[in-house]
């Protein structure tokens, strides 16, 4: 059996996006953990003056997909900065700080 891609493997993939999913979900914190076989990314919405935050979405991917995601984000961030200038790493004019009452792990993203 050959490892060469077949015509079937090169066909475009049709991706469906429901109306509900197209609206998106706002998250301002990502908590990333991993095991040997997967990365788990929890997208969290942290609201000001609210001591409790909710995970709005959890995405579980393989390590090779995590690497592709990182590369795609780096590429898109570079393109963004070319168009709009450098991104303020502080998260905005006042900077983003986790509130003192938040005792969870610090996200890397």
Protein backbone atom coordinates (compact mmCIF):
# COMPACT_ATOMS: atom_id res chain seq x y z
CA UNK A 1 0.00 0.00 0.00
CA UNK A 2 1.37 3.43 -0.97
CA UNK A 3 1.59 6.43 1.35
CA UNK A 4 1.03 8.77 -1.58
CA UNK A 5 -2.14 10.87 -1.34
CA UNK A 6 -4.91 9.72 -3.62
CA UNK A 7 -7.24 11.99 -5.56
CA UNK A 8 -9.89 11.24 -2.93
CA UNK A 9 -7.61 12.53 -0.13
CA UNK A 10 -6.99 15.80 -2.02
CA UNK A 11 -10.69 16.58 -2.47
CA UNK A 12 -11.84 19.63 -0.52
CA UNK A 13 -13.68 18.98 2.72
CA UNK A 14 -17.15 20.46 3.04
CA UNK A 15 -17.48 21.99 6.50
CA UNK A 16 -20.91 22.84 7.85
CA UNK A 17 -21.42 25.69 10.31
CA UNK A 18 -24.77 25.87 12.04
CA UNK A 19 -26.35 29.26 12.71
CA UNK A 20 -25.98 28.74 16.47
CA UNK A 21 -22.29 27.84 16.16
CA UNK A 22 -21.66 30.77 13.79
CA UNK A 23 -22.66 33.18 16.58
CA UNK A 24 -19.61 32.04 18.53
CA UNK A 25 -18.98 32.04 22.25
CA UNK A 26 -16.97 34.76 23.97
CA UNK A 27 -14.09 33.61 26.19
CA UNK A 28 -11.34 35.70 27.75
CA UNK A 29 -9.27 32.95 29.34
CA UNK A 30 -7.91 29.65 28.07
CA UNK A 31 -6.70 26.94 30.42
CA UNK A 32 -4.58 24.30 28.74
CA UNK A 33 -3.67 20.90 30.16
CA UNK A 34 -2.30 17.78 28.54
CA UNK A 35 -1.59 14.10 28.86
CA UNK A 36 0.67 11.96 26.72
CA UNK A 37 -2.07 11.52 24.12
CA UNK A 38 -4.14 14.73 24.15
CA UNK A 39 -4.34 18.43 24.87
CA UNK A 40 -7.42 19.80 26.61
CA UNK A 41 -8.23 23.48 26.05
CA UNK A 42 -10.92 24.98 28.26
CA UNK A 43 -12.25 28.34 27.07
CA UNK A 44 -13.54 30.32 30.04
CA UNK A 45 -15.59 33.49 30.38
CA UNK A 46 -14.32 35.44 33.37
CA UNK A 47 -16.52 38.41 34.30
CA UNK A 48 -15.46 41.43 36.36
CA UNK A 49 -16.44 41.33 40.04
CA UNK A 50 -17.84 37.79 39.73
CA UNK A 51 -15.91 35.26 41.81
CA UNK A 52 -17.02 32.30 39.72
CA UNK A 53 -16.13 31.62 36.08
CA UNK A 54 -17.66 29.09 33.71
CA UNK A 55 -16.02 26.95 31.09
CA UNK A 56 -17.91 27.88 27.92
CA UNK A 57 -16.25 25.34 25.65
CA UNK A 58 -13.79 22.45 25.93
CA UNK A 59 -11.74 21.30 22.96
CA UNK A 60 -9.71 18.09 23.09
CA UNK A 61 -7.06 17.59 20.40
CA UNK A 62 -4.10 15.32 19.70
CA UNK A 63 -0.53 16.61 20.18
CA UNK A 64 0.03 16.86 16.41
CA UNK A 65 -3.13 18.93 16.04
CA UNK A 66 -2.00 21.11 18.97
CA UNK A 67 1.24 21.80 17.09
CA UNK A 68 -0.69 22.66 13.91
CA UNK A 69 -2.97 24.95 15.93
CA UNK A 70 0.04 26.72 17.48
CA UNK A 71 1.61 27.22 14.05
CA UNK A 72 -1.67 28.51 12.59
CA UNK A 73 -2.10 30.95 15.50
CA UNK A 74 1.47 32.20 15.12
CA UNK A 75 0.93 32.73 11.39
CA UNK A 76 -2.36 34.55 11.94
CA UNK A 77 -0.95 36.70 14.77
CA UNK A 78 1.92 37.79 12.50
CA UNK A 79 -0.58 38.70 9.75
CA UNK A 80 -2.75 40.56 12.28
CA UNK A 81 0.22 42.60 13.52
CA UNK A 82 1.24 43.41 9.93
CA UNK A 83 -2.21 44.92 9.37
CA UNK A 84 -2.98 46.47 12.76
CA UNK A 85 0.30 46.85 14.63
CA UNK A 86 1.66 45.08 17.69
CA UNK A 87 -0.72 43.48 20.14
CA UNK A 88 -0.58 44.79 23.70
CA UNK A 89 0.35 41.71 25.73
CA UNK A 90 -1.26 43.25 28.81
CA UNK A 91 -4.69 42.45 27.34
CA UNK A 92 -5.81 46.05 26.94
CA UNK A 93 -5.21 49.52 28.27
CA UNK A 94 -5.38 48.46 31.91
CA UNK A 95 -3.84 45.00 31.42
CA UNK A 96 -5.49 41.71 32.33
CA UNK A 97 -5.00 40.43 35.84
CA UNK A 98 -6.74 37.43 37.33
CA UNK A 99 -8.73 38.53 40.36
CA UNK A 100 -7.32 37.61 43.77
CA UNK A 101 -10.24 35.29 44.42
CA UNK A 102 -9.45 33.18 41.34
CA UNK A 103 -7.54 30.13 42.58
CA UNK A 104 -7.45 28.04 39.40
CA UNK A 105 -4.45 27.35 37.19
CA UNK A 106 -3.13 30.22 35.11
CA UNK A 107 -3.80 29.81 31.38
CA UNK A 108 -0.98 29.98 28.90
CA UNK A 109 -3.01 31.49 26.08
